[in-house]
Amino acid sequence: MSKQLIEFLTELNTNEKLRKNFKSDKEQTMKKYGVPQSDAQLVLDKNYDEIMKKLGCDYDISRNSVIEAFKIKK
């Protein structure tokens, strides 16, 4: 599980300013947030399978223009 990636993708779900910055400059926004380069590359490549492996079974993601993570309610 990648803590910074989870925090970033779930924050995209609620933080409009972060989402706007991400749409404008994905790589720089993730770098400022502290997402490791290897995880950021998965997002840039839209490698959904590997992102899901990093997030673990407690999360799901949207697969549209902005990838967001959602905590799965059990």
PDB file of N, CA and C in Angstrom:
ATOM      1  N   MET A   1       0.853  -1.183   0.000  1.00  0.00           N
ATOM      2  CA  MET A   1       0.000   0.000   0.000  1.00  0.00           C
ATOM      3  C   MET A   1       0.895   1.241   0.000  1.00  0.00           C
ATOM      4  N   SER A   2       0.538   2.204  -0.759  1.00  0.00           N
ATOM      5  CA  SER A   2       1.287   3.449  -0.867  1.00  0.00           C
ATOM      6  C   SER A   2       0.506   4.576  -0.190  1.00  0.00           C
ATOM      7  N   LYS A   3       0.952   4.966   0.999  1.00  0.00           N
ATOM      8  CA  LYS A   3       0.221   5.960   1.789  1.00  0.00           C
ATOM      9  C   LYS A   3       0.047   7.286   1.040  1.00  0.00           C
ATOM     10  N   GLN A   4       1.103   7.809   0.455  1.00  0.00           N
ATOM     11  CA  GLN A   4       1.010   9.097  -0.237  1.00  0.00           C
ATOM     12  C   GLN A   4       0.100   9.020  -1.455  1.00  0.00           C
ATOM     13  N   LEU A   5       0.163   7.923  -2.173  1.00  0.00           N
ATOM     14  CA  LEU A   5      -0.709   7.758  -3.342  1.00  0.00           C
ATOM     15  C   LEU A   5      -2.166   7.698  -2.906  1.00  0.00           C
ATOM     16  N   ILE A   6      -2.455   6.942  -1.860  1.00  0.00           N
ATOM     17  CA  ILE A   6      -3.833   6.851  -1.344  1.00  0.00           C
ATOM     18  C   ILE A   6      -4.323   8.220  -0.909  1.00  0.00           C
ATOM     19  N   GLU A   7      -3.514   8.922  -0.124  1.00  0.00           N
ATOM     20  CA  GLU A   7      -3.915  10.243   0.364  1.00  0.00           C
ATOM     21  C   GLU A   7      -4.157  11.202  -0.793  1.00  0.00           C
ATOM     22  N   PHE A   8      -3.285  11.166  -1.780  1.00  0.00           N
ATOM     23  CA  PHE A   8      -3.429  12.065  -2.922  1.00  0.00           C
ATOM     24  C   PHE A   8      -4.704  11.767  -3.711  1.00  0.00           C
ATOM     25  N   LEU A   9      -4.916  10.511  -4.061  1.00  0.00           N
ATOM     26  CA  LEU A   9      -6.066  10.158  -4.887  1.00  0.00           C
ATOM     27  C   LEU A   9      -7.388  10.354  -4.147  1.00  0.00           C
ATOM     28  N   THR A  10      -7.412  10.130  -2.841  1.00  0.00           N
ATOM     29  CA  THR A  10      -8.646  10.374  -2.098  1.00  0.00           C
ATOM     30  C   THR A  10      -8.875  11.871  -1.909  1.00  0.00           C
ATOM     31  N   GLU A  11      -7.809  12.639  -1.770  1.00  0.00           N
ATOM     32  CA  GLU A  11      -7.935  14.098  -1.651  1.00  0.00           C
ATOM     33  C   GLU A  11      -8.465  14.707  -2.953  1.00  0.00           C
ATOM     34  N   LEU A  12      -8.100  14.130  -4.087  1.00  0.00           N
ATOM     35  CA  LEU A  12      -8.624  14.603  -5.375  1.00  0.00           C
ATOM     36  C   LEU A  12     -10.144  14.511  -5.412  1.00  0.00           C
ATOM     37  N   ASN A  13     -10.676  13.602  -4.639  1.00  0.00           N
ATOM     38  CA  ASN A  13     -12.114  13.377  -4.596  1.00  0.00           C
ATOM     39  C   ASN A  13     -12.861  14.523  -3.920  1.00  0.00           C
ATOM     40  N   THR A  14     -12.197  15.278  -3.033  1.00  0.00           N
ATOM     41  CA  THR A  14     -12.885  16.304  -2.247  1.00  0.00           C
ATOM     42  C   THR A  14     -12.297  17.705  -2.376  1.00  0.00           C
ATOM     43  N   ASN A  15     -11.090  17.824  -2.864  1.00  0.00           N
ATOM     44  CA  ASN A  15     -10.391  19.112  -2.884  1.00  0.00           C
ATOM     45  C   ASN A  15     -10.389  19.676  -4.313  1.00  0.00           C
ATOM     46  N   GLU A  16     -11.275  20.632  -4.549  1.00  0.00           N
ATOM     47  CA  GLU A  16     -11.430  21.186  -5.900  1.00  0.00           C
ATOM     48  C   GLU A  16     -10.163  21.905  -6.378  1.00  0.00           C
ATOM     49  N   LYS A  17      -9.467  22.588  -5.476  1.00  0.00           N
ATOM     50  CA  LYS A  17      -8.236  23.286  -5.858  1.00  0.00           C
ATOM     51  C   LYS A  17      -7.160  22.283  -6.292  1.00  0.00           C
ATOM     52  N   LEU A  18      -7.039  21.203  -5.539  1.00  0.00           N
ATOM     53  CA  LEU A  18      -6.066  20.169  -5.897  1.00  0.00           C
ATOM     54  C   LEU A  18      -6.424  19.559  -7.250  1.00  0.00           C
ATOM     55  N   ARG A  19      -7.696  19.299  -7.468  1.00  0.00           N
ATOM     56  CA  ARG A  19      -8.153  18.734  -8.743  1.00  0.00           C
ATOM     57  C   ARG A  19      -7.830  19.684  -9.904  1.00  0.00           C
ATOM     58  N   LYS A  20      -8.065  20.986  -9.707  1.00  0.00           N
ATOM     59  CA  LYS A  20      -7.772  21.974 -10.745  1.00  0.00           C
ATOM     60  C   LYS A  20      -6.271  22.000 -11.055  1.00  0.00           C
ATOM     61  N   ASN A  21      -5.452  22.001 -10.010  1.00  0.00           N
ATOM     62  CA  ASN A  21      -3.999  21.983 -10.194  1.00  0.00           C
ATOM     63  C   ASN A  21      -3.555  20.714 -10.914  1.00  0.00           C
ATOM     64  N   PHE A  22      -4.169  19.593 -10.538  1.00  0.00           N
ATOM     65  CA  PHE A  22      -3.827  18.313 -11.149  1.00  0.00           C
ATOM     66  C   PHE A  22      -4.171  18.314 -12.635  1.00  0.00           C
ATOM     67  N   LYS A  23      -5.334  18.828 -12.983  1.00  0.00           N
ATOM     68  CA  LYS A  23      -5.723  18.886 -14.398  1.00  0.00           C
ATOM     69  C   LYS A  23      -4.779  19.780 -15.195  1.00  0.00           C
ATOM     70  N   SER A  24      -4.264  20.819 -14.546  1.00  0.00           N
ATOM     71  CA  SER A  24      -3.367  21.763 -15.199  1.00  0.00           C
ATOM     72  C   SER A  24      -1.954  21.194 -15.371  1.00  0.00           C
ATOM     73  N   ASP A  25      -1.445  20.531 -14.329  1.00  0.00           N
ATOM     74  CA  ASP A  25      -0.077  19.991 -14.363  1.00  0.00           C
ATOM     75  C   ASP A  25      -0.005  18.776 -13.441  1.00  0.00           C
ATOM     76  N   LYS A  26      -0.346  17.618 -13.991  1.00  0.00           N
ATOM     77  CA  LYS A  26      -0.424  16.389 -13.202  1.00  0.00           C
ATOM     78  C   LYS A  26       0.884  16.061 -12.478  1.00  0.00           C
ATOM     79  N   GLU A  27       1.963  16.047 -13.220  1.00  0.00           N
ATOM     80  CA  GLU A  27       3.246  15.623 -12.651  1.00  0.00           C
ATOM     81  C   GLU A  27       3.699  16.549 -11.525  1.00  0.00           C
ATOM     82  N   GLN A  28       3.644  17.843 -11.736  1.00  0.00           N
ATOM     83  CA  GLN A  28       4.093  18.799 -10.725  1.00  0.00           C
ATOM     84  C   GLN A  28       3.195  18.761  -9.483  1.00  0.00           C
ATOM     85  N   THR A  29       1.908  18.594  -9.672  1.00  0.00           N
ATOM     86  CA  THR A  29       0.980  18.540  -8.543  1.00  0.00           C
ATOM     87  C   THR A  29       1.272  17.320  -7.677  1.00  0.00           C
ATOM     88  N   MET A  30       1.502  16.175  -8.288  1.00  0.00           N
ATOM     89  CA  MET A  30       1.825  14.972  -7.508  1.00  0.00           C
ATOM     90  C   MET A  30       3.161  15.116  -6.802  1.00  0.00           C
ATOM     91  N   LYS A  31       4.119  15.733  -7.468  1.00  0.00           N
ATOM     92  CA  LYS A  31       5.438  15.941  -6.866  1.00  0.00           C
ATOM     93  C   LYS A  31       5.324  16.836  -5.627  1.00  0.00           C
ATOM     94  N   LYS A  32       4.571  17.938  -5.730  1.00  0.00           N
ATOM     95  CA  LYS A  32       4.375  18.841  -4.594  1.00  0.00           C
ATOM     96  C   LYS A  32       3.675  18.142  -3.432  1.00  0.00           C
ATOM     97  N   TYR A  33       2.798  17.210  -3.746  1.00  0.00           N
ATOM     98  CA  TYR A  33       2.044  16.483  -2.725  1.00  0.00           C
ATOM     99  C   TYR A  33       2.896  15.389  -2.072  1.00  0.00           C
ATOM    100  N   GLY A  34       4.010  15.049  -2.692  1.00  0.00           N
ATOM    101  CA  GLY A  34       4.905  14.032  -2.126  1.00  0.00           C
ATOM    102  C   GLY A  34       4.660  12.623  -2.621  1.00  0.00           C
ATOM    103  N   VAL A  35       3.936  12.500  -3.730  1.00  0.00           N
ATOM    104  CA  VAL A  35       3.703  11.172  -4.307  1.00  0.00           C
ATOM    105  C   VAL A  35       5.020  10.686  -4.916  1.00  0.00           C
ATOM    106  N   PRO A  36       5.478   9.492  -4.529  1.00  0.00           N
ATOM    107  CA  PRO A  36       6.729   8.966  -5.102  1.00  0.00           C
ATOM    108  C   PRO A  36       6.648   8.893  -6.630  1.00  0.00           C
ATOM    109  N   GLN A  37       7.766   9.124  -7.272  1.00  0.00           N
ATOM    110  CA  GLN A  37       7.821   9.168  -8.743  1.00  0.00           C
ATOM    111  C   GLN A  37       7.270   7.892  -9.368  1.00  0.00           C
ATOM    112  N   SER A  38       7.598   6.742  -8.789  1.00  0.00           N
ATOM    113  CA  SER A  38       7.122   5.475  -9.368  1.00  0.00           C
ATOM    114  C   SER A  38       5.591   5.391  -9.313  1.00  0.00           C
ATOM    115  N   ASP A  39       4.983   5.892  -8.232  1.00  0.00           N
ATOM    116  CA  ASP A  39       3.524   5.899  -8.115  1.00  0.00           C
ATOM    117  C   ASP A  39       2.916   6.947  -9.046  1.00  0.00           C
ATOM    118  N   ALA A  40       3.544   8.101  -9.137  1.00  0.00           N
ATOM    119  CA  ALA A  40       3.061   9.151 -10.030  1.00  0.00           C
ATOM    120  C   ALA A  40       3.052   8.659 -11.476  1.00  0.00           C
ATOM    121  N   GLN A  41       4.063   7.886 -11.840  1.00  0.00           N
ATOM    122  CA  GLN A  41       4.136   7.373 -13.209  1.00  0.00           C
ATOM    123  C   GLN A  41       2.969   6.438 -13.506  1.00  0.00           C
ATOM    124  N   LEU A  42       2.545   5.665 -12.514  1.00  0.00           N
ATOM    125  CA  LEU A  42       1.378   4.793 -12.701  1.00  0.00           C
ATOM    126  C   LEU A  42       0.140   5.618 -13.026  1.00  0.00           C
ATOM    127  N   VAL A  43      -0.024   6.743 -12.332  1.00  0.00           N
ATOM    128  CA  VAL A  43      -1.168   7.626 -12.570  1.00  0.00           C
ATOM    129  C   VAL A  43      -1.059   8.256 -13.962  1.00  0.00           C
ATOM    130  N   LEU A  44       0.106   8.747 -14.299  1.00  0.00           N
ATOM    131  CA  LEU A  44       0.305   9.369 -15.612  1.00  0.00           C
ATOM    132  C   LEU A  44       0.045   8.383 -16.748  1.00  0.00           C
ATOM    133  N   ASP A  45       0.429   7.125 -16.533  1.00  0.00           N
ATOM    134  CA  ASP A  45       0.236   6.080 -17.540  1.00  0.00           C
ATOM    135  C   ASP A  45      -1.173   5.482 -17.502  1.00  0.00           C
ATOM    136  N   LYS A  46      -1.971   5.906 -16.510  1.00  0.00           N
ATOM    137  CA  LYS A  46      -3.310   5.332 -16.282  1.00  0.00           C
ATOM    138  C   LYS A  46      -3.247   3.809 -16.180  1.00  0.00           C
ATOM    139  N   ASN A  47      -2.264   3.345 -15.405  1.00  0.00           N
ATOM    140  CA  ASN A  47      -2.069   1.914 -15.189  1.00  0.00           C
ATOM    141  C   ASN A  47      -2.970   1.476 -14.034  1.00  0.00           C
ATOM    142  N   TYR A  48      -4.243   1.298 -14.337  1.00  0.00           N
ATOM    143  CA  TYR A  48      -5.262   1.052 -13.321  1.00  0.00           C
ATOM    144  C   TYR A  48      -4.994  -0.206 -12.498  1.00  0.00           C
ATOM    145  N   ASP A  49      -4.541  -1.269 -13.143  1.00  0.00           N
ATOM    146  CA  ASP A  49      -4.297  -2.518 -12.419  1.00  0.00           C
ATOM    147  C   ASP A  49      -3.214  -2.341 -11.363  1.00  0.00           C
ATOM    148  N   GLU A  50      -2.128  -1.688 -11.721  1.00  0.00           N
ATOM    149  CA  GLU A  50      -1.041  -1.485 -10.763  1.00  0.00           C
ATOM    150  C   GLU A  50      -1.432  -0.488  -9.666  1.00  0.00           C
ATOM    151  N   ILE A  51      -2.217   0.522 -10.020  1.00  0.00           N
ATOM    152  CA  ILE A  51      -2.702   1.464  -9.010  1.00  0.00           C
ATOM    153  C   ILE A  51      -3.551   0.714  -7.989  1.00  0.00           C
ATOM    154  N   MET A  52      -4.441  -0.149  -8.458  1.00  0.00           N
ATOM    155  CA  MET A  52      -5.288  -0.922  -7.554  1.00  0.00           C
ATOM    156  C   MET A  52      -4.451  -1.824  -6.651  1.00  0.00           C
ATOM    157  N   LYS A  53      -3.386  -2.408  -7.173  1.00  0.00           N
ATOM    158  CA  LYS A  53      -2.495  -3.232  -6.344  1.00  0.00           C
ATOM    159  C   LYS A  53      -1.866  -2.388  -5.243  1.00  0.00           C
ATOM    160  N   LYS A  54      -1.460  -1.166  -5.585  1.00  0.00           N
ATOM    161  CA  LYS A  54      -0.842  -0.264  -4.601  1.00  0.00           C
ATOM    162  C   LYS A  54      -1.840   0.164  -3.531  1.00  0.00           C
ATOM    163  N   LEU A  55      -3.095   0.382  -3.920  1.00  0.00           N
ATOM    164  CA  LEU A  55      -4.097   0.873  -2.980  1.00  0.00           C
ATOM    165  C   LEU A  55      -4.603  -0.216  -2.049  1.00  0.00           C
ATOM    166  N   GLY A  56      -4.600  -1.433  -2.503  1.00  0.00           N
ATOM    167  CA  GLY A  56      -5.100  -2.525  -1.681  1.00  0.00           C
ATOM    168  C   GLY A  56      -6.602  -2.715  -1.858  1.00  0.00           C
ATOM    169  N   CYS A  57      -7.141  -3.686  -1.144  1.00  0.00           N
ATOM    170  CA  CYS A  57      -8.539  -4.081  -1.348  1.00  0.00           C
ATOM    171  C   CYS A  57      -9.547  -3.159  -0.678  1.00  0.00           C
ATOM    172  N   ASP A  58      -9.103  -2.182   0.102  1.00  0.00           N
ATOM    173  CA  ASP A  58     -10.026  -1.264   0.773  1.00  0.00           C
ATOM    174  C   ASP A  58     -10.446  -0.087  -0.099  1.00  0.00           C
ATOM    175  N   TYR A  59      -9.897   0.018  -1.301  1.00  0.00           N
ATOM    176  CA  TYR A  59     -10.159   1.175  -2.162  1.00  0.00           C
ATOM    177  C   TYR A  59     -10.569   0.746  -3.551  1.00  0.00           C
ATOM    178  N   ASP A  60     -11.304   1.614  -4.202  1.00  0.00           N
ATOM    179  CA  ASP A  60     -11.611   1.479  -5.619  1.00  0.00           C
ATOM    180  C   ASP A  60     -11.262   2.819  -6.254  1.00  0.00           C
ATOM    181  N   ILE A  61     -11.142   2.859  -7.557  1.00  0.00           N
ATOM    182  CA  ILE A  61     -10.776   4.095  -8.240  1.00  0.00           C
ATOM    183  C   ILE A  61     -11.756   4.392  -9.363  1.00  0.00           C
ATOM    184  N   SER A  62     -11.847   5.675  -9.697  1.00  0.00           N
ATOM    185  CA  SER A  62     -12.581   6.062 -10.898  1.00  0.00           C
ATOM    186  C   SER A  62     -11.620   5.924 -12.066  1.00  0.00           C
ATOM    187  N   ARG A  63     -12.147   5.671 -13.203  1.00  0.00           N
ATOM    188  CA  ARG A  63     -11.301   5.478 -14.387  1.00  0.00           C
ATOM    189  C   ARG A  63     -11.665   6.488 -15.466  1.00  0.00           C
ATOM    190  N   ASN A  64     -11.812   7.756 -15.051  1.00  0.00           N
ATOM    191  CA  ASN A  64     -12.122   8.801 -16.024  1.00  0.00           C
ATOM    192  C   ASN A  64     -10.919   9.720 -16.176  1.00  0.00           C
ATOM    193  N   SER A  65     -11.115  10.938 -16.574  1.00  0.00           N
ATOM    194  CA  SER A  65      -9.993  11.837 -16.858  1.00  0.00           C
ATOM    195  C   SER A  65      -9.169  12.161 -15.623  1.00  0.00           C
ATOM    196  N   VAL A  66      -9.787  12.117 -14.438  1.00  0.00           N
ATOM    197  CA  VAL A  66      -9.051  12.310 -13.185  1.00  0.00           C
ATOM    198  C   VAL A  66      -9.258  11.060 -12.348  1.00  0.00           C
ATOM    199  N   ILE A  67      -8.182  10.324 -12.093  1.00  0.00           N
ATOM    200  CA  ILE A  67      -8.272   9.110 -11.294  1.00  0.00           C
ATOM    201  C   ILE A  67      -8.432   9.516  -9.833  1.00  0.00           C
ATOM    202  N   GLU A  68      -9.490   9.044  -9.206  1.00  0.00           N
ATOM    203  CA  GLU A  68      -9.741   9.322  -7.797  1.00  0.00           C
ATOM    204  C   GLU A  68      -9.919   7.997  -7.075  1.00  0.00           C
ATOM    205  N   ALA A  69      -9.558   7.971  -5.795  1.00  0.00           N
ATOM    206  CA  ALA A  69      -9.741   6.772  -4.994  1.00  0.00           C
ATOM    207  C   ALA A  69     -10.906   6.962  -4.040  1.00  0.00           C
ATOM    208  N   PHE A  70     -11.611   5.879  -3.811  1.00  0.00           N
ATOM    209  CA  PHE A  70     -12.754   5.887  -2.910  1.00  0.00           C
ATOM    210  C   PHE A  70     -12.597   4.746  -1.911  1.00  0.00           C
ATOM    211  N   LYS A  71     -12.741   5.042  -0.633  1.00  0.00           N
ATOM    212  CA  LYS A  71     -12.718   4.010   0.397  1.00  0.00           C
ATOM    213  C   LYS A  71     -13.971   3.163   0.236  1.00  0.00           C
ATOM    214  N   ILE A  72     -13.813   1.850   0.219  1.00  0.00           N
ATOM    215  CA  ILE A  72     -14.923   0.941   0.091  1.00  0.00           C
ATOM    216  C   ILE A  72     -15.513   0.712   1.480  1.00  0.00           C
ATOM    217  N   LYS A  73     -16.803   0.909   1.585  1.00  0.00           N
ATOM    218  CA  LYS A  73     -17.492   0.706   2.867  1.00  0.00           C
ATOM    219  C   LYS A  73     -17.806  -0.764   3.014  1.00  0.00           C
ATOM    220  N   LYS A  74     -17.439  -1.293   4.172  1.00  0.00           N
ATOM    221  CA  LYS A  74     -17.690  -2.727   4.427  1.00  0.00           C
ATOM    222  C   LYS A  74     -18.732  -2.891   5.492  1.00  0.00           C
TER     223      LYS A  74
END
